[in-house]
Amino acid sequence: MKDRMTSFAEAAEAIVAAGNRLDQRGLAPATAGNYSMRLADGTLAITVSGAHKGRLGRDQVMRVAPDGAPLDGKKPSAETLLHCLIYAVDPGAGAILHTHSIPGVVLSRRLADASAILLSGYELLKIYPGIDTHATSVAMPLVENSQDMAALAETLRPLLAARSPILPAFYIRGHGLYAWGATMAAAEAVAEGSEYLLACEWEAAKGEGARQ
């Protein structure tokens, strides 16, 4: 893609900057989250395991092959396979952000029997591809948390491929959001917009509970 980062150095710089910004917004608690970018040669730049995203250094970004195999001797995030899946399913994906917010986590746990988080009537739905009006609904896939990344990736594969254009976001129940875009700026917009929508849904759910 023309505006995709082409070098590892540029990608590492963008990932470090995104980590700092998302940490300031409360979307990267402790060492939670993982971020990546697709490089021009098809390999991935991704955060190493256990790094605090608000204090990232460039040495905490590494390269992996498209299948997730480390290329520089460092240890990648345990969820690297989910990044690999997204890049494989969505050719337009250039950057991926995995964020964590209190409203999103609590809302996803409250929707115990749901397979999607329904978002309707919000102006900010326009952050998603193919949507140009608030008068619509989006069903964000909601899947069960698992420590088996290979199995989780296979659960997600048909859910991501089912929509055209692909909805660039899904939620892992009680865990966090995955959001992506063609560039890091686009991925940040989807991540922050999605977290905002999830927070709105949680506030609405609290309001409904108070009236009951």
N, C-alpha and C. Protein backbone atom coordinates (compact mmCIF):
# COMPACT_ATOMS: atom_id res chain seq x y z
N MET A 1 0.85 -1.19 0.00
CA MET A 1 0.00 0.00 0.00
C MET A 1 0.89 1.24 0.00
N LYS A 2 0.53 2.22 -0.78
CA LYS A 2 1.39 3.36 -1.05
C LYS A 2 1.83 4.09 0.21
N ASP A 3 0.91 4.30 1.17
CA ASP A 3 1.26 5.08 2.34
C ASP A 3 1.65 4.24 3.54
N ARG A 4 1.89 2.95 3.33
CA ARG A 4 2.30 2.08 4.43
C ARG A 4 3.76 2.32 4.77
N MET A 5 4.12 2.22 6.05
CA MET A 5 5.51 2.33 6.46
C MET A 5 6.33 1.29 5.69
N THR A 6 7.51 1.68 5.23
CA THR A 6 8.31 0.77 4.41
C THR A 6 9.53 0.22 5.12
N SER A 7 9.97 0.85 6.20
CA SER A 7 11.17 0.37 6.88
C SER A 7 10.86 0.01 8.33
N PHE A 8 11.69 -0.88 8.87
CA PHE A 8 11.51 -1.26 10.26
C PHE A 8 11.72 -0.06 11.18
N ALA A 9 12.70 0.78 10.88
CA ALA A 9 12.97 1.95 11.73
C ALA A 9 11.77 2.88 11.81
N GLU A 10 11.13 3.13 10.67
CA GLU A 10 9.95 3.99 10.66
C GLU A 10 8.80 3.36 11.43
N ALA A 11 8.61 2.04 11.24
CA ALA A 11 7.54 1.34 11.94
C ALA A 11 7.78 1.35 13.45
N ALA A 12 9.01 1.11 13.86
CA ALA A 12 9.32 1.11 15.29
C ALA A 12 9.03 2.48 15.90
N GLU A 13 9.38 3.53 15.19
CA GLU A 13 9.11 4.88 15.68
C GLU A 13 7.62 5.13 15.83
N ALA A 14 6.83 4.69 14.84
CA ALA A 14 5.38 4.88 14.89
C ALA A 14 4.76 4.06 16.01
N ILE A 15 5.24 2.85 16.25
CA ILE A 15 4.71 2.00 17.31
C ILE A 15 5.01 2.59 18.68
N VAL A 16 6.22 3.09 18.86
CA VAL A 16 6.59 3.72 20.14
C VAL A 16 5.70 4.94 20.40
N ALA A 17 5.48 5.75 19.37
CA ALA A 17 4.64 6.95 19.52
C ALA A 17 3.20 6.57 19.85
N ALA A 18 2.69 5.53 19.20
CA ALA A 18 1.32 5.08 19.48
C ALA A 18 1.19 4.57 20.90
N GLY A 19 2.19 3.83 21.37
CA GLY A 19 2.16 3.33 22.73
C GLY A 19 2.09 4.45 23.75
N ASN A 20 2.89 5.48 23.54
CA ASN A 20 2.88 6.62 24.44
C ASN A 20 1.52 7.31 24.45
N ARG A 21 0.95 7.49 23.29
CA ARG A 21 -0.33 8.19 23.19
C ARG A 21 -1.47 7.38 23.80
N LEU A 22 -1.51 6.08 23.50
CA LEU A 22 -2.59 5.25 24.04
C LEU A 22 -2.46 5.07 25.55
N ASP A 23 -1.23 5.02 26.04
CA ASP A 23 -1.03 4.93 27.49
C ASP A 23 -1.58 6.19 28.17
N GLN A 24 -1.35 7.33 27.58
CA GLN A 24 -1.87 8.58 28.14
C GLN A 24 -3.39 8.62 28.15
N ARG A 25 -4.01 7.89 27.25
CA ARG A 25 -5.47 7.84 27.18
C ARG A 25 -6.06 6.71 28.03
N GLY A 26 -5.21 6.02 28.79
CA GLY A 26 -5.69 4.96 29.67
C GLY A 26 -6.04 3.68 28.95
N LEU A 27 -5.47 3.46 27.77
CA LEU A 27 -5.81 2.28 26.97
C LEU A 27 -4.69 1.24 26.95
N ALA A 28 -3.68 1.43 27.83
CA ALA A 28 -2.55 0.50 27.85
C ALA A 28 -2.07 0.28 29.28
N PRO A 29 -2.93 -0.27 30.17
CA PRO A 29 -2.53 -0.45 31.56
C PRO A 29 -1.45 -1.52 31.73
N ALA A 30 -0.58 -1.29 32.72
CA ALA A 30 0.50 -2.24 33.04
C ALA A 30 1.26 -2.58 31.76
N THR A 31 1.42 -3.87 31.47
CA THR A 31 2.11 -4.27 30.23
C THR A 31 1.12 -4.79 29.19
N ALA A 32 -0.16 -4.47 29.36
CA ALA A 32 -1.20 -5.00 28.47
C ALA A 32 -1.07 -4.40 27.07
N GLY A 33 -1.55 -5.16 26.10
CA GLY A 33 -1.62 -4.68 24.73
C GLY A 33 -0.44 -5.12 23.88
N ASN A 34 -0.62 -5.04 22.58
CA ASN A 34 0.45 -5.30 21.63
C ASN A 34 0.12 -4.58 20.33
N TYR A 35 1.14 -4.06 19.68
CA TYR A 35 0.96 -3.24 18.48
C TYR A 35 1.89 -3.75 17.39
N SER A 36 1.46 -3.59 16.15
CA SER A 36 2.30 -4.06 15.04
C SER A 36 2.06 -3.24 13.79
N MET A 37 3.01 -3.37 12.84
CA MET A 37 2.86 -2.79 11.51
C MET A 37 3.41 -3.78 10.49
N ARG A 38 2.79 -3.76 9.31
CA ARG A 38 3.28 -4.61 8.22
C ARG A 38 4.33 -3.84 7.43
N LEU A 39 5.47 -4.46 7.20
CA LEU A 39 6.56 -3.83 6.47
C LEU A 39 6.47 -4.14 4.98
N ALA A 40 7.24 -3.41 4.20
CA ALA A 40 7.17 -3.52 2.75
C ALA A 40 7.54 -4.92 2.25
N ASP A 41 8.41 -5.62 2.99
CA ASP A 41 8.82 -6.95 2.56
C ASP A 41 7.88 -8.05 3.04
N GLY A 42 6.77 -7.67 3.71
CA GLY A 42 5.80 -8.66 4.17
C GLY A 42 6.02 -9.13 5.59
N THR A 43 7.16 -8.82 6.17
CA THR A 43 7.39 -9.16 7.58
C THR A 43 6.67 -8.14 8.45
N LEU A 44 6.64 -8.39 9.75
CA LEU A 44 5.91 -7.54 10.69
C LEU A 44 6.84 -6.96 11.73
N ALA A 45 6.60 -5.70 12.09
CA ALA A 45 7.22 -5.10 13.26
C ALA A 45 6.20 -5.17 14.37
N ILE A 46 6.58 -5.71 15.54
CA ILE A 46 5.61 -5.93 16.61
C ILE A 46 6.29 -5.73 17.97
N THR A 47 5.53 -5.34 18.96
CA THR A 47 6.07 -5.15 20.30
C THR A 47 6.51 -6.48 20.91
N VAL A 48 7.58 -6.43 21.68
CA VAL A 48 8.06 -7.63 22.36
C VAL A 48 7.13 -7.96 23.53
N SER A 49 7.25 -9.15 24.03
CA SER A 49 6.43 -9.59 25.16
C SER A 49 6.80 -8.84 26.44
N GLY A 50 5.76 -8.42 27.19
CA GLY A 50 5.97 -7.87 28.53
C GLY A 50 6.41 -6.43 28.60
N ALA A 51 6.38 -5.69 27.51
CA ALA A 51 6.83 -4.30 27.52
C ALA A 51 5.69 -3.37 27.90
N HIS A 52 5.99 -2.39 28.76
CA HIS A 52 5.00 -1.36 29.10
C HIS A 52 4.87 -0.42 27.91
N LYS A 53 3.66 -0.28 27.38
CA LYS A 53 3.49 0.44 26.12
C LYS A 53 3.68 1.94 26.27
N GLY A 54 3.55 2.46 27.47
CA GLY A 54 3.78 3.88 27.68
C GLY A 54 5.25 4.23 27.84
N ARG A 55 6.10 3.20 27.98
CA ARG A 55 7.54 3.43 28.15
C ARG A 55 8.34 2.64 27.13
N LEU A 56 7.75 2.44 25.97
CA LEU A 56 8.42 1.66 24.93
C LEU A 56 9.68 2.35 24.42
N GLY A 57 10.69 1.54 24.15
CA GLY A 57 11.86 1.99 23.42
C GLY A 57 11.90 1.26 22.09
N ARG A 58 12.65 1.75 21.15
CA ARG A 58 12.70 1.10 19.84
C ARG A 58 13.24 -0.32 19.94
N ASP A 59 14.07 -0.58 20.97
CA ASP A 59 14.61 -1.93 21.14
C ASP A 59 13.55 -2.91 21.64
N GLN A 60 12.36 -2.41 21.97
CA GLN A 60 11.25 -3.28 22.39
C GLN A 60 10.25 -3.52 21.26
N VAL A 61 10.68 -3.21 20.07
CA VAL A 61 9.94 -3.57 18.85
C VAL A 61 10.82 -4.52 18.06
N MET A 62 10.24 -5.61 17.58
CA MET A 62 11.00 -6.64 16.90
C MET A 62 10.36 -6.99 15.56
N ARG A 63 11.05 -7.83 14.79
CA ARG A 63 10.50 -8.31 13.52
C ARG A 63 10.13 -9.78 13.64
N VAL A 64 8.98 -10.12 13.02
CA VAL A 64 8.56 -11.51 12.91
C VAL A 64 8.17 -11.78 11.47
N ALA A 65 8.20 -13.05 11.10
CA ALA A 65 7.75 -13.48 9.77
C ALA A 65 6.23 -13.42 9.71
N PRO A 66 5.64 -13.49 8.52
CA PRO A 66 4.18 -13.46 8.41
C PRO A 66 3.47 -14.55 9.21
N ASP A 67 4.17 -15.65 9.53
CA ASP A 67 3.56 -16.71 10.34
C ASP A 67 3.84 -16.53 11.83
N GLY A 68 4.53 -15.42 12.20
CA GLY A 68 4.79 -15.14 13.61
C GLY A 68 6.14 -15.59 14.12
N ALA A 69 6.94 -16.24 13.29
CA ALA A 69 8.25 -16.72 13.74
C ALA A 69 9.19 -15.53 13.98
N PRO A 70 9.87 -15.48 15.14
CA PRO A 70 10.80 -14.38 15.43
C PRO A 70 11.95 -14.36 14.43
N LEU A 71 12.38 -13.15 14.05
CA LEU A 71 13.45 -13.00 13.08
C LEU A 71 14.71 -12.39 13.68
N ASP A 72 14.64 -11.95 14.95
CA ASP A 72 15.81 -11.29 15.52
C ASP A 72 16.15 -11.76 16.93
N GLY A 73 15.66 -12.92 17.32
CA GLY A 73 16.04 -13.50 18.61
C GLY A 73 15.30 -12.98 19.81
N LYS A 74 14.37 -12.04 19.60
CA LYS A 74 13.59 -11.52 20.72
C LYS A 74 12.29 -12.30 20.86
N LYS A 75 11.60 -12.10 21.99
CA LYS A 75 10.35 -12.83 22.25
C LYS A 75 9.16 -11.94 21.94
N PRO A 76 8.34 -12.33 20.95
CA PRO A 76 7.18 -11.51 20.60
C PRO A 76 6.02 -11.72 21.58
N SER A 77 5.04 -10.86 21.47
CA SER A 77 3.83 -11.00 22.27
C SER A 77 3.21 -12.38 22.07
N ALA A 78 2.57 -12.87 23.12
CA ALA A 78 1.89 -14.17 23.03
C ALA A 78 0.77 -14.13 22.00
N GLU A 79 0.27 -12.95 21.67
CA GLU A 79 -0.86 -12.83 20.76
C GLU A 79 -0.44 -12.50 19.33
N THR A 80 0.81 -12.75 19.01
CA THR A 80 1.32 -12.46 17.68
C THR A 80 0.50 -13.15 16.60
N LEU A 81 0.02 -14.36 16.86
CA LEU A 81 -0.75 -15.10 15.86
C LEU A 81 -2.04 -14.37 15.47
N LEU A 82 -2.61 -13.60 16.38
CA LEU A 82 -3.81 -12.84 16.04
C LEU A 82 -3.47 -11.71 15.07
N HIS A 83 -2.32 -11.10 15.25
CA HIS A 83 -1.86 -10.09 14.29
C HIS A 83 -1.64 -10.74 12.93
N CYS A 84 -0.99 -11.90 12.92
CA CYS A 84 -0.75 -12.61 11.66
C CYS A 84 -2.07 -12.93 10.95
N LEU A 85 -3.06 -13.34 11.72
CA LEU A 85 -4.37 -13.65 11.14
C LEU A 85 -4.97 -12.42 10.47
N ILE A 86 -4.96 -11.29 11.16
CA ILE A 86 -5.57 -10.07 10.62
C ILE A 86 -4.88 -9.68 9.32
N TYR A 87 -3.55 -9.69 9.30
CA TYR A 87 -2.84 -9.33 8.08
C TYR A 87 -3.13 -10.32 6.94
N ALA A 88 -3.33 -11.58 7.28
CA ALA A 88 -3.61 -12.59 6.26
C ALA A 88 -5.02 -12.43 5.69
N VAL A 89 -5.98 -12.11 6.56
CA VAL A 89 -7.38 -12.01 6.13
C VAL A 89 -7.67 -10.67 5.46
N ASP A 90 -7.02 -9.61 5.92
CA ASP A 90 -7.29 -8.27 5.40
C ASP A 90 -6.04 -7.71 4.72
N PRO A 91 -5.95 -7.80 3.40
CA PRO A 91 -4.77 -7.28 2.68
C PRO A 91 -4.56 -5.79 2.87
N GLY A 92 -5.61 -5.06 3.24
CA GLY A 92 -5.50 -3.62 3.44
C GLY A 92 -4.98 -3.23 4.81
N ALA A 93 -4.80 -4.19 5.71
CA ALA A 93 -4.33 -3.88 7.06
C ALA A 93 -2.84 -3.55 7.02
N GLY A 94 -2.49 -2.39 7.58
CA GLY A 94 -1.09 -2.00 7.65
C GLY A 94 -0.59 -1.81 9.06
N ALA A 95 -1.52 -1.65 10.03
CA ALA A 95 -1.14 -1.46 11.43
C ALA A 95 -2.26 -1.98 12.31
N ILE A 96 -1.89 -2.59 13.44
CA ILE A 96 -2.86 -3.18 14.36
C ILE A 96 -2.57 -2.71 15.77
N LEU A 97 -3.63 -2.37 16.51
CA LEU A 97 -3.51 -1.95 17.90
C LEU A 97 -4.44 -2.79 18.77
N HIS A 98 -3.90 -3.32 19.85
CA HIS A 98 -4.69 -4.10 20.81
C HIS A 98 -4.75 -3.30 22.09
N THR A 99 -5.92 -2.77 22.41
CA THR A 99 -6.08 -1.85 23.53
C THR A 99 -6.97 -2.46 24.62
N HIS A 100 -6.94 -1.82 25.79
CA HIS A 100 -7.70 -2.28 26.94
C HIS A 100 -8.31 -1.08 27.66
N SER A 101 -9.62 -1.09 27.80
CA SER A 101 -10.27 -0.02 28.57
C SER A 101 -11.23 -0.66 29.57
N ILE A 102 -11.46 0.04 30.67
CA ILE A 102 -12.41 -0.47 31.67
C ILE A 102 -13.81 -0.60 31.08
N PRO A 103 -14.36 0.43 30.40
CA PRO A 103 -15.73 0.28 29.87
C PRO A 103 -15.86 -0.90 28.92
N GLY A 104 -14.88 -1.07 28.03
CA GLY A 104 -14.98 -2.16 27.06
C GLY A 104 -14.94 -3.52 27.73
N VAL A 105 -14.03 -3.70 28.68
CA VAL A 105 -13.90 -4.99 29.36
C VAL A 105 -15.17 -5.31 30.15
N VAL A 106 -15.68 -4.33 30.89
CA VAL A 106 -16.87 -4.58 31.71
C VAL A 106 -18.09 -4.83 30.83
N LEU A 107 -18.24 -4.05 29.76
CA LEU A 107 -19.36 -4.26 28.84
C LEU A 107 -19.31 -5.65 28.23
N SER A 108 -18.14 -6.08 27.81
CA SER A 108 -18.02 -7.39 27.17
C SER A 108 -18.36 -8.52 28.14
N ARG A 109 -18.04 -8.34 29.42
CA ARG A 109 -18.40 -9.34 30.42
C ARG A 109 -19.90 -9.33 30.71
N ARG A 110 -20.50 -8.17 30.65
CA ARG A 110 -21.94 -8.06 30.89
C ARG A 110 -22.73 -8.75 29.78
N LEU A 111 -22.22 -8.70 28.56
CA LEU A 111 -22.89 -9.34 27.42
C LEU A 111 -22.49 -10.81 27.36
N ALA A 112 -22.82 -11.52 28.41
CA ALA A 112 -22.30 -12.88 28.61
C ALA A 112 -22.68 -13.86 27.52
N ASP A 113 -23.86 -13.71 26.92
CA ASP A 113 -24.32 -14.67 25.93
C ASP A 113 -24.25 -14.14 24.50
N ALA A 114 -23.69 -12.95 24.33
CA ALA A 114 -23.67 -12.32 23.01
C ALA A 114 -22.45 -12.76 22.21
N SER A 115 -22.62 -12.82 20.89
CA SER A 115 -21.50 -13.11 19.99
C SER A 115 -21.05 -11.86 19.24
N ALA A 116 -21.70 -10.73 19.56
CA ALA A 116 -21.32 -9.46 18.94
C ALA A 116 -21.75 -8.32 19.86
N ILE A 117 -21.09 -7.20 19.72
CA ILE A 117 -21.48 -5.98 20.41
C ILE A 117 -22.17 -5.08 19.38
N LEU A 118 -23.45 -4.83 19.55
CA LEU A 118 -24.21 -4.05 18.59
C LEU A 118 -24.06 -2.57 18.88
N LEU A 119 -23.63 -1.83 17.89
CA LEU A 119 -23.45 -0.38 17.99
C LEU A 119 -24.37 0.28 16.97
N SER A 120 -25.30 1.10 17.45
CA SER A 120 -26.32 1.67 16.56
C SER A 120 -26.50 3.16 16.79
N GLY A 121 -26.64 3.90 15.69
CA GLY A 121 -27.06 5.28 15.75
C GLY A 121 -25.99 6.30 16.11
N TYR A 122 -24.76 5.88 16.21
CA TYR A 122 -23.69 6.80 16.61
C TYR A 122 -23.05 7.46 15.39
N GLU A 123 -22.79 8.76 15.50
CA GLU A 123 -22.09 9.46 14.42
C GLU A 123 -20.71 8.86 14.17
N LEU A 124 -20.05 8.40 15.23
CA LEU A 124 -18.69 7.91 15.10
C LEU A 124 -18.59 6.53 14.42
N LEU A 125 -19.74 5.95 14.08
CA LEU A 125 -19.69 4.72 13.30
C LEU A 125 -19.02 4.94 11.95
N LYS A 126 -18.91 6.20 11.55
CA LYS A 126 -18.27 6.53 10.27
C LYS A 126 -16.78 6.23 10.26
N ILE A 127 -16.22 5.87 11.40
CA ILE A 127 -14.80 5.47 11.40
C ILE A 127 -14.60 4.14 10.70
N TYR A 128 -15.67 3.36 10.52
CA TYR A 128 -15.55 2.04 9.91
C TYR A 128 -15.74 2.13 8.39
N PRO A 129 -15.02 1.31 7.63
CA PRO A 129 -15.11 1.34 6.16
C PRO A 129 -16.53 1.10 5.66
N GLY A 130 -16.92 1.87 4.66
CA GLY A 130 -18.20 1.67 4.02
C GLY A 130 -19.38 2.30 4.72
N ILE A 131 -19.15 2.99 5.84
CA ILE A 131 -20.24 3.61 6.59
C ILE A 131 -20.15 5.12 6.45
N ASP A 132 -21.23 5.74 5.98
CA ASP A 132 -21.25 7.19 5.78
C ASP A 132 -22.43 7.87 6.45
N THR A 133 -23.09 7.15 7.37
CA THR A 133 -24.23 7.72 8.08
C THR A 133 -24.31 7.16 9.49
N HIS A 134 -24.91 7.93 10.39
CA HIS A 134 -25.12 7.43 11.74
C HIS A 134 -26.31 6.47 11.80
N ALA A 135 -27.15 6.53 10.78
CA ALA A 135 -28.40 5.75 10.78
C ALA A 135 -28.14 4.32 10.33
N THR A 136 -27.33 3.62 11.09
CA THR A 136 -26.99 2.25 10.75
C THR A 136 -26.55 1.53 12.02
N SER A 137 -26.26 0.25 11.88
CA SER A 137 -25.78 -0.55 13.01
C SER A 137 -24.56 -1.35 12.59
N VAL A 138 -23.68 -1.57 13.54
CA VAL A 138 -22.49 -2.38 13.33
C VAL A 138 -22.45 -3.45 14.41
N ALA A 139 -22.20 -4.68 14.01
CA ALA A 139 -22.06 -5.78 14.96
C ALA A 139 -20.59 -6.14 15.07
N MET A 140 -19.95 -5.67 16.14
CA MET A 140 -18.53 -5.98 16.36
C MET A 140 -18.41 -7.39 16.92
N PRO A 141 -17.68 -8.28 16.24
CA PRO A 141 -17.53 -9.65 16.75
C PRO A 141 -17.01 -9.67 18.19
N LEU A 142 -17.62 -10.52 19.01
CA LEU A 142 -17.25 -10.68 20.40
C LEU A 142 -16.98 -12.16 20.63
N VAL A 143 -15.74 -12.50 20.95
CA VAL A 143 -15.35 -13.90 21.10
C VAL A 143 -14.84 -14.16 22.51
N GLU A 144 -14.90 -15.42 22.91
CA GLU A 144 -14.44 -15.80 24.24
C GLU A 144 -12.92 -15.72 24.33
N ASN A 145 -12.46 -15.34 25.49
CA ASN A 145 -11.02 -15.28 25.74
C ASN A 145 -10.44 -16.69 25.78
N SER A 146 -9.21 -16.81 25.36
CA SER A 146 -8.53 -18.10 25.37
C SER A 146 -7.03 -17.88 25.40
N GLN A 147 -6.30 -18.80 26.02
CA GLN A 147 -4.85 -18.76 25.99
C GLN A 147 -4.29 -19.54 24.81
N ASP A 148 -5.18 -20.22 24.08
CA ASP A 148 -4.78 -20.98 22.89
C ASP A 148 -4.94 -20.07 21.68
N MET A 149 -3.87 -19.38 21.29
CA MET A 149 -3.95 -18.39 20.22
C MET A 149 -4.26 -19.01 18.87
N ALA A 150 -3.77 -20.21 18.62
CA ALA A 150 -4.06 -20.87 17.34
C ALA A 150 -5.55 -21.16 17.21
N ALA A 151 -6.15 -21.66 18.28
CA ALA A 151 -7.59 -21.96 18.26
C ALA A 151 -8.41 -20.68 18.16
N LEU A 152 -7.98 -19.65 18.89
CA LEU A 152 -8.69 -18.37 18.85
C LEU A 152 -8.62 -17.76 17.46
N ALA A 153 -7.47 -17.87 16.81
CA ALA A 153 -7.33 -17.35 15.46
C ALA A 153 -8.26 -18.06 14.50
N GLU A 154 -8.41 -19.37 14.64
CA GLU A 154 -9.30 -20.11 13.75
C GLU A 154 -10.77 -19.78 14.02
N THR A 155 -11.10 -19.46 15.27
CA THR A 155 -12.46 -19.02 15.58
C THR A 155 -12.75 -17.67 14.92
N LEU A 156 -11.76 -16.81 14.92
CA LEU A 156 -11.94 -15.46 14.39
C LEU A 156 -11.94 -15.41 12.87
N ARG A 157 -11.20 -16.29 12.23
CA ARG A 157 -11.02 -16.21 10.78
C ARG A 157 -12.33 -16.06 10.01
N PRO A 158 -13.32 -16.95 10.20
CA PRO A 158 -14.57 -16.79 9.43
C PRO A 158 -15.37 -15.57 9.84
N LEU A 159 -15.25 -15.13 11.09
CA LEU A 159 -15.98 -13.95 11.55
C LEU A 159 -15.47 -12.69 10.87
N LEU A 160 -14.15 -12.61 10.69
CA LEU A 160 -13.56 -11.44 10.05
C LEU A 160 -13.85 -11.42 8.56
N ALA A 161 -13.82 -12.59 7.95
CA ALA A 161 -14.01 -12.68 6.50
C ALA A 161 -15.47 -12.57 6.07
N ALA A 162 -16.39 -12.64 7.03
CA ALA A 162 -17.81 -12.69 6.69
C ALA A 162 -18.36 -11.36 6.17
N ARG A 163 -17.70 -10.24 6.50
CA ARG A 163 -18.21 -8.94 6.11
C ARG A 163 -17.34 -8.32 5.04
N SER A 164 -17.99 -7.68 4.06
CA SER A 164 -17.27 -6.97 3.02
C SER A 164 -17.83 -5.55 2.89
N PRO A 165 -17.03 -4.52 3.16
CA PRO A 165 -15.63 -4.60 3.58
C PRO A 165 -15.49 -5.15 4.99
N ILE A 166 -14.32 -5.69 5.29
CA ILE A 166 -14.06 -6.25 6.61
C ILE A 166 -14.19 -5.18 7.67
N LEU A 167 -14.91 -5.49 8.75
CA LEU A 167 -14.96 -4.57 9.89
C LEU A 167 -13.62 -4.67 10.61
N PRO A 168 -12.87 -3.57 10.71
CA PRO A 168 -11.51 -3.65 11.26
C PRO A 168 -11.46 -3.59 12.79
N ALA A 169 -12.28 -4.38 13.43
CA ALA A 169 -12.29 -4.41 14.90
C ALA A 169 -13.01 -5.65 15.39
N PHE A 170 -12.52 -6.22 16.48
CA PHE A 170 -13.24 -7.27 17.19
C PHE A 170 -12.87 -7.17 18.66
N TYR A 171 -13.66 -7.84 19.51
CA TYR A 171 -13.43 -7.76 20.95
C TYR A 171 -13.29 -9.17 21.53
N ILE A 172 -12.32 -9.33 22.42
CA ILE A 172 -12.15 -10.58 23.16
C ILE A 172 -12.75 -10.35 24.55
N ARG A 173 -13.75 -11.14 24.90
CA ARG A 173 -14.52 -10.91 26.12
C ARG A 173 -13.63 -10.86 27.37
N GLY A 174 -13.84 -9.80 28.17
CA GLY A 174 -13.08 -9.64 29.39
C GLY A 174 -11.61 -9.36 29.18
N HIS A 175 -11.22 -9.06 27.96
CA HIS A 175 -9.80 -8.92 27.63
C HIS A 175 -9.52 -7.58 26.97
N GLY A 176 -9.93 -7.42 25.72
CA GLY A 176 -9.64 -6.15 25.07
C GLY A 176 -10.01 -6.12 23.61
N LEU A 177 -9.72 -4.97 23.00
CA LEU A 177 -10.09 -4.66 21.62
C LEU A 177 -8.91 -4.86 20.68
N TYR A 178 -9.20 -5.39 19.49
CA TYR A 178 -8.26 -5.36 18.38
C TYR A 178 -8.84 -4.45 17.32
N ALA A 179 -8.02 -3.49 16.85
CA ALA A 179 -8.47 -2.55 15.83
C ALA A 179 -7.32 -2.31 14.86
N TRP A 180 -7.65 -2.07 13.61
CA TRP A 180 -6.57 -1.89 12.63
C TRP A 180 -6.98 -0.96 11.50
N GLY A 181 -5.97 -0.59 10.70
CA GLY A 181 -6.20 0.30 9.57
C GLY A 181 -5.04 0.20 8.60
N ALA A 182 -5.14 0.93 7.49
CA ALA A 182 -4.09 0.88 6.47
C ALA A 182 -2.79 1.48 6.97
N THR A 183 -2.88 2.47 7.84
CA THR A 183 -1.72 3.14 8.41
C THR A 183 -1.85 3.16 9.93
N MET A 184 -0.80 3.57 10.62
CA MET A 184 -0.90 3.68 12.07
C MET A 184 -1.93 4.73 12.45
N ALA A 185 -1.97 5.85 11.72
CA ALA A 185 -2.95 6.88 12.02
C ALA A 185 -4.37 6.34 11.88
N ALA A 186 -4.60 5.55 10.84
CA ALA A 186 -5.93 4.97 10.63
C ALA A 186 -6.26 3.97 11.73
N ALA A 187 -5.28 3.17 12.13
CA ALA A 187 -5.51 2.20 13.21
C ALA A 187 -5.83 2.90 14.52
N GLU A 188 -5.12 4.00 14.80
CA GLU A 188 -5.41 4.76 16.02
C GLU A 188 -6.82 5.32 15.99
N ALA A 189 -7.27 5.80 14.83
CA ALA A 189 -8.62 6.34 14.73
C ALA A 189 -9.65 5.26 15.00
N VAL A 190 -9.45 4.07 14.45
CA VAL A 190 -10.40 2.97 14.68
C VAL A 190 -10.37 2.52 16.14
N ALA A 191 -9.18 2.42 16.71
CA ALA A 191 -9.07 1.99 18.11
C ALA A 191 -9.72 2.98 19.05
N GLU A 192 -9.39 4.27 18.91
CA GLU A 192 -9.95 5.27 19.81
C GLU A 192 -11.44 5.44 19.58
N GLY A 193 -11.86 5.41 18.32
CA GLY A 193 -13.28 5.52 18.03
C GLY A 193 -14.07 4.34 18.58
N SER A 194 -13.52 3.14 18.42
CA SER A 194 -14.20 1.95 18.93
C SER A 194 -14.29 1.98 20.45
N GLU A 195 -13.20 2.37 21.11
CA GLU A 195 -13.23 2.45 22.57
C GLU A 195 -14.25 3.49 23.03
N TYR A 196 -14.37 4.59 22.30
CA TYR A 196 -15.38 5.60 22.63
C TYR A 196 -16.79 5.03 22.51
N LEU A 197 -17.05 4.29 21.43
CA LEU A 197 -18.37 3.69 21.23
C LEU A 197 -18.68 2.66 22.31
N LEU A 198 -17.69 1.87 22.69
CA LEU A 198 -17.89 0.89 23.75
C LEU A 198 -18.19 1.58 25.08
N ALA A 199 -17.50 2.70 25.34
CA ALA A 199 -17.76 3.45 26.56
C ALA A 199 -19.17 4.02 26.56
N CYS A 200 -19.64 4.49 25.40
CA CYS A 200 -21.02 4.98 25.30
C CYS A 200 -22.02 3.87 25.60
N GLU A 201 -21.75 2.68 25.06
CA GLU A 201 -22.66 1.55 25.30
C GLU A 201 -22.68 1.17 26.77
N TRP A 202 -21.52 1.22 27.43
CA TRP A 202 -21.48 0.88 28.85
C TRP A 202 -22.23 1.92 29.67
N GLU A 203 -22.07 3.19 29.35
CA GLU A 203 -22.80 4.23 30.07
C GLU A 203 -24.30 4.07 29.87
N ALA A 204 -24.73 3.72 28.65
CA ALA A 204 -26.14 3.50 28.39
C ALA A 204 -26.66 2.30 29.18
N ALA A 205 -25.85 1.25 29.26
CA ALA A 205 -26.26 0.06 30.02
C ALA A 205 -26.40 0.38 31.50
N LYS A 206 -25.50 1.20 32.03
CA LYS A 206 -25.60 1.60 33.44
C LYS A 206 -26.86 2.41 33.66
N GLY A 207 -27.18 3.29 32.72
CA GLY A 207 -28.38 4.10 32.84
C GLY A 207 -29.65 3.26 32.83
N GLU A 208 -29.66 2.26 31.97
CA GLU A 208 -30.83 1.36 31.92
C GLU A 208 -30.98 0.59 33.22
N GLY A 209 -29.85 0.18 33.79
CA GLY A 209 -29.89 -0.55 35.06
C GLY A 209 -30.41 0.29 36.18
N ALA A 210 -30.05 1.58 36.18
CA ALA A 210 -30.50 2.49 37.25
C ALA A 210 -32.00 2.73 37.19
N ARG A 211 -32.59 2.62 35.99
CA ARG A 211 -34.04 2.87 35.85
C ARG A 211 -34.89 1.65 36.16
N GLN A 212 -34.23 0.50 36.24
CA GLN A 212 -35.00 -0.73 36.47
C GLN A 212 -35.39 -0.89 37.95
